[in-house]
């Protein structure tokens, strides 16, 4: 499930939630369904390298082709 940022216009609070494709999120503060999805920030540079390592390991376990170069796959 992807992580999304939302703003609730009813209680004026922002929240970050894991939301499935078919789910309609509700505000954790007031329960409103009128949430506005915000543009999420990308992970800081330090976290991208760690995430790439996790993605490489997952691709290797699952046995599917990855978009990493041969040199990157050896890391």
N, C-alpha and C. Protein backbone atom coordinates (compact mmCIF):
# COMPACT_ATOMS: atom_id res chain seq x y z
N UNK A 1 0.84 -1.18 0.00
CA UNK A 1 0.00 0.00 0.00
C UNK A 1 0.88 1.24 0.00
N UNK A 2 0.53 2.20 -0.83
CA UNK A 2 1.33 3.43 -0.86
C UNK A 2 1.03 4.35 0.33
N UNK A 3 2.01 5.15 0.66
CA UNK A 3 1.90 6.13 1.73
C UNK A 3 1.53 7.47 1.11
N UNK A 4 0.45 8.08 1.58
CA UNK A 4 -0.01 9.36 1.05
C UNK A 4 -0.14 10.39 2.16
N UNK A 5 0.01 11.65 1.78
CA UNK A 5 -0.21 12.78 2.69
C UNK A 5 -1.54 13.41 2.34
N UNK A 6 -2.32 13.74 3.37
CA UNK A 6 -3.63 14.35 3.17
C UNK A 6 -3.78 15.57 4.06
N UNK A 7 -4.65 16.49 3.61
CA UNK A 7 -5.04 17.65 4.42
C UNK A 7 -6.55 17.60 4.59
N UNK A 8 -7.01 17.80 5.82
CA UNK A 8 -8.44 17.81 6.10
C UNK A 8 -8.90 19.26 6.21
N UNK A 9 -9.76 19.73 5.30
CA UNK A 9 -10.24 21.11 5.38
C UNK A 9 -11.21 21.32 6.55
N UNK A 10 -11.81 20.25 7.07
CA UNK A 10 -12.75 20.40 8.18
C UNK A 10 -12.06 20.73 9.50
N UNK A 11 -10.96 20.03 9.81
CA UNK A 11 -10.26 20.30 11.08
C UNK A 11 -8.89 20.95 10.85
N UNK A 12 -8.52 21.20 9.57
CA UNK A 12 -7.27 21.89 9.20
C UNK A 12 -6.03 21.15 9.70
N UNK A 13 -6.04 19.81 9.63
CA UNK A 13 -4.88 19.02 10.03
C UNK A 13 -4.36 18.20 8.86
N UNK A 14 -3.05 17.96 8.86
CA UNK A 14 -2.41 17.12 7.86
C UNK A 14 -2.12 15.76 8.48
N UNK A 15 -2.17 14.72 7.65
CA UNK A 15 -1.87 13.37 8.13
C UNK A 15 -1.24 12.57 7.01
N UNK A 16 -0.51 11.53 7.41
CA UNK A 16 0.16 10.62 6.48
C UNK A 16 -0.43 9.24 6.72
N UNK A 17 -0.94 8.61 5.65
CA UNK A 17 -1.62 7.32 5.82
C UNK A 17 -1.25 6.34 4.72
N UNK A 18 -1.28 5.07 5.07
CA UNK A 18 -1.17 3.98 4.10
C UNK A 18 -2.57 3.74 3.56
N UNK A 19 -2.75 3.87 2.26
CA UNK A 19 -4.09 3.78 1.68
C UNK A 19 -4.06 2.84 0.48
N UNK A 20 -4.93 1.86 0.48
CA UNK A 20 -5.07 0.95 -0.64
C UNK A 20 -5.81 1.63 -1.79
N UNK A 21 -5.73 1.04 -2.98
CA UNK A 21 -6.32 1.63 -4.17
C UNK A 21 -7.82 1.81 -4.04
N UNK A 22 -8.51 0.85 -3.48
CA UNK A 22 -9.97 0.91 -3.41
C UNK A 22 -10.48 1.54 -2.11
N UNK A 23 -9.59 2.01 -1.25
CA UNK A 23 -10.00 2.59 0.02
C UNK A 23 -10.31 4.08 -0.10
N UNK A 24 -11.27 4.54 0.69
CA UNK A 24 -11.54 5.97 0.83
C UNK A 24 -11.07 6.36 2.23
N UNK A 25 -9.99 7.14 2.32
CA UNK A 25 -9.45 7.46 3.64
C UNK A 25 -10.34 8.44 4.40
N UNK A 26 -10.30 8.32 5.71
CA UNK A 26 -11.01 9.24 6.60
C UNK A 26 -9.97 9.94 7.48
N UNK A 27 -10.26 11.17 7.84
CA UNK A 27 -9.36 11.94 8.70
C UNK A 27 -9.23 11.25 10.05
N UNK A 28 -8.00 11.00 10.51
CA UNK A 28 -7.83 10.36 11.81
C UNK A 28 -8.23 11.26 12.97
N UNK A 29 -8.30 12.57 12.74
CA UNK A 29 -8.65 13.50 13.82
C UNK A 29 -10.15 13.69 13.98
N UNK A 30 -10.86 13.90 12.84
CA UNK A 30 -12.28 14.22 12.94
C UNK A 30 -13.19 13.24 12.21
N UNK A 31 -12.62 12.33 11.42
CA UNK A 31 -13.41 11.34 10.72
C UNK A 31 -13.98 11.79 9.38
N UNK A 32 -13.67 13.00 8.96
CA UNK A 32 -14.19 13.53 7.69
C UNK A 32 -13.66 12.73 6.51
N UNK A 33 -14.50 12.59 5.48
CA UNK A 33 -14.10 11.92 4.25
C UNK A 33 -13.69 12.91 3.17
N UNK A 34 -13.69 14.21 3.48
CA UNK A 34 -13.37 15.25 2.50
C UNK A 34 -11.87 15.57 2.51
N UNK A 35 -11.02 14.57 2.47
CA UNK A 35 -9.58 14.80 2.51
C UNK A 35 -9.05 15.22 1.14
N UNK A 36 -8.06 16.10 1.17
CA UNK A 36 -7.38 16.55 -0.04
C UNK A 36 -6.00 15.92 -0.05
N UNK A 37 -5.68 15.21 -1.14
CA UNK A 37 -4.37 14.57 -1.22
C UNK A 37 -3.31 15.62 -1.51
N UNK A 38 -2.23 15.59 -0.77
CA UNK A 38 -1.13 16.53 -0.94
C UNK A 38 -0.03 15.91 -1.79
N UNK A 39 0.82 16.73 -2.34
CA UNK A 39 1.98 16.24 -3.08
C UNK A 39 3.00 15.78 -2.05
N UNK A 40 3.39 14.51 -2.13
CA UNK A 40 4.33 13.96 -1.17
C UNK A 40 5.76 14.32 -1.54
N UNK A 41 6.58 14.50 -0.53
CA UNK A 41 8.00 14.78 -0.75
C UNK A 41 8.72 13.46 -0.96
N UNK A 42 9.76 13.48 -1.78
CA UNK A 42 10.55 12.27 -1.98
C UNK A 42 11.47 12.06 -0.77
N UNK A 43 11.98 10.86 -0.65
CA UNK A 43 12.86 10.54 0.47
C UNK A 43 14.16 11.32 0.36
N UNK A 44 14.74 11.72 1.49
CA UNK A 44 16.03 12.40 1.46
C UNK A 44 17.09 11.49 0.83
N UNK A 45 18.13 12.09 0.30
CA UNK A 45 19.18 11.36 -0.43
C UNK A 45 19.72 10.18 0.37
N UNK A 46 19.96 10.35 1.66
CA UNK A 46 20.51 9.27 2.48
C UNK A 46 19.60 8.06 2.52
N UNK A 47 18.30 8.27 2.49
CA UNK A 47 17.35 7.17 2.55
C UNK A 47 17.19 6.50 1.19
N UNK A 48 17.47 7.21 0.10
CA UNK A 48 17.33 6.62 -1.23
C UNK A 48 18.31 5.48 -1.44
N UNK A 49 19.53 5.64 -0.95
CA UNK A 49 20.53 4.57 -1.11
C UNK A 49 20.11 3.33 -0.33
N UNK A 50 19.60 3.52 0.86
CA UNK A 50 19.15 2.39 1.67
C UNK A 50 17.94 1.72 1.01
N UNK A 51 17.05 2.52 0.47
CA UNK A 51 15.87 1.96 -0.19
C UNK A 51 16.27 1.18 -1.44
N UNK A 52 17.23 1.70 -2.20
CA UNK A 52 17.70 1.00 -3.40
C UNK A 52 18.29 -0.36 -3.04
N UNK A 53 18.98 -0.44 -1.92
CA UNK A 53 19.56 -1.71 -1.49
C UNK A 53 18.44 -2.71 -1.17
N UNK A 54 17.39 -2.24 -0.51
CA UNK A 54 16.25 -3.10 -0.20
C UNK A 54 15.57 -3.55 -1.49
N UNK A 55 15.39 -2.64 -2.44
CA UNK A 55 14.74 -2.99 -3.71
C UNK A 55 15.55 -4.02 -4.48
N UNK A 56 16.88 -3.86 -4.48
CA UNK A 56 17.74 -4.83 -5.16
C UNK A 56 17.58 -6.21 -4.54
N UNK A 57 17.59 -6.26 -3.21
CA UNK A 57 17.47 -7.55 -2.53
C UNK A 57 16.12 -8.18 -2.82
N UNK A 58 15.06 -7.39 -2.84
CA UNK A 58 13.73 -7.92 -3.11
C UNK A 58 13.66 -8.45 -4.55
N UNK A 59 14.22 -7.71 -5.51
CA UNK A 59 14.22 -8.16 -6.90
C UNK A 59 14.98 -9.48 -7.04
N UNK A 60 16.09 -9.61 -6.33
CA UNK A 60 16.88 -10.85 -6.39
C UNK A 60 16.10 -12.02 -5.80
N UNK A 61 15.41 -11.78 -4.67
CA UNK A 61 14.61 -12.85 -4.04
C UNK A 61 13.47 -13.29 -4.94
N UNK A 62 12.82 -12.32 -5.60
CA UNK A 62 11.66 -12.62 -6.44
C UNK A 62 12.06 -13.13 -7.81
N UNK A 63 13.33 -12.97 -8.19
CA UNK A 63 13.83 -13.50 -9.44
C UNK A 63 13.36 -12.76 -10.68
N UNK A 64 12.97 -11.50 -10.54
CA UNK A 64 12.56 -10.76 -11.72
C UNK A 64 13.64 -9.77 -12.14
N UNK A 65 13.53 -9.32 -13.37
CA UNK A 65 14.51 -8.36 -13.89
C UNK A 65 14.37 -7.04 -13.14
N UNK A 66 15.48 -6.42 -12.89
CA UNK A 66 15.43 -5.13 -12.22
C UNK A 66 15.97 -4.07 -13.17
N UNK A 67 15.76 -2.82 -12.83
CA UNK A 67 16.22 -1.73 -13.67
C UNK A 67 17.61 -1.26 -13.26
N UNK A 68 18.32 -2.05 -12.44
CA UNK A 68 19.67 -1.69 -12.03
C UNK A 68 20.69 -2.28 -12.99
N UNK A 69 21.81 -1.58 -13.14
CA UNK A 69 22.87 -2.07 -14.01
C UNK A 69 23.53 -3.30 -13.39
N UNK A 70 24.34 -4.01 -14.17
CA UNK A 70 25.02 -5.20 -13.67
C UNK A 70 25.93 -4.84 -12.48
N UNK A 71 26.60 -3.69 -12.56
CA UNK A 71 27.46 -3.26 -11.46
C UNK A 71 26.65 -2.97 -10.21
N UNK A 72 25.48 -2.36 -10.38
CA UNK A 72 24.64 -2.07 -9.22
C UNK A 72 24.06 -3.35 -8.62
N UNK A 73 23.77 -4.34 -9.43
CA UNK A 73 23.20 -5.58 -8.91
C UNK A 73 24.19 -6.36 -8.06
N UNK A 74 25.50 -6.11 -8.23
CA UNK A 74 26.52 -6.83 -7.46
C UNK A 74 26.71 -6.24 -6.06
N UNK A 75 26.14 -5.08 -5.80
CA UNK A 75 26.34 -4.42 -4.49
C UNK A 75 25.62 -5.17 -3.41
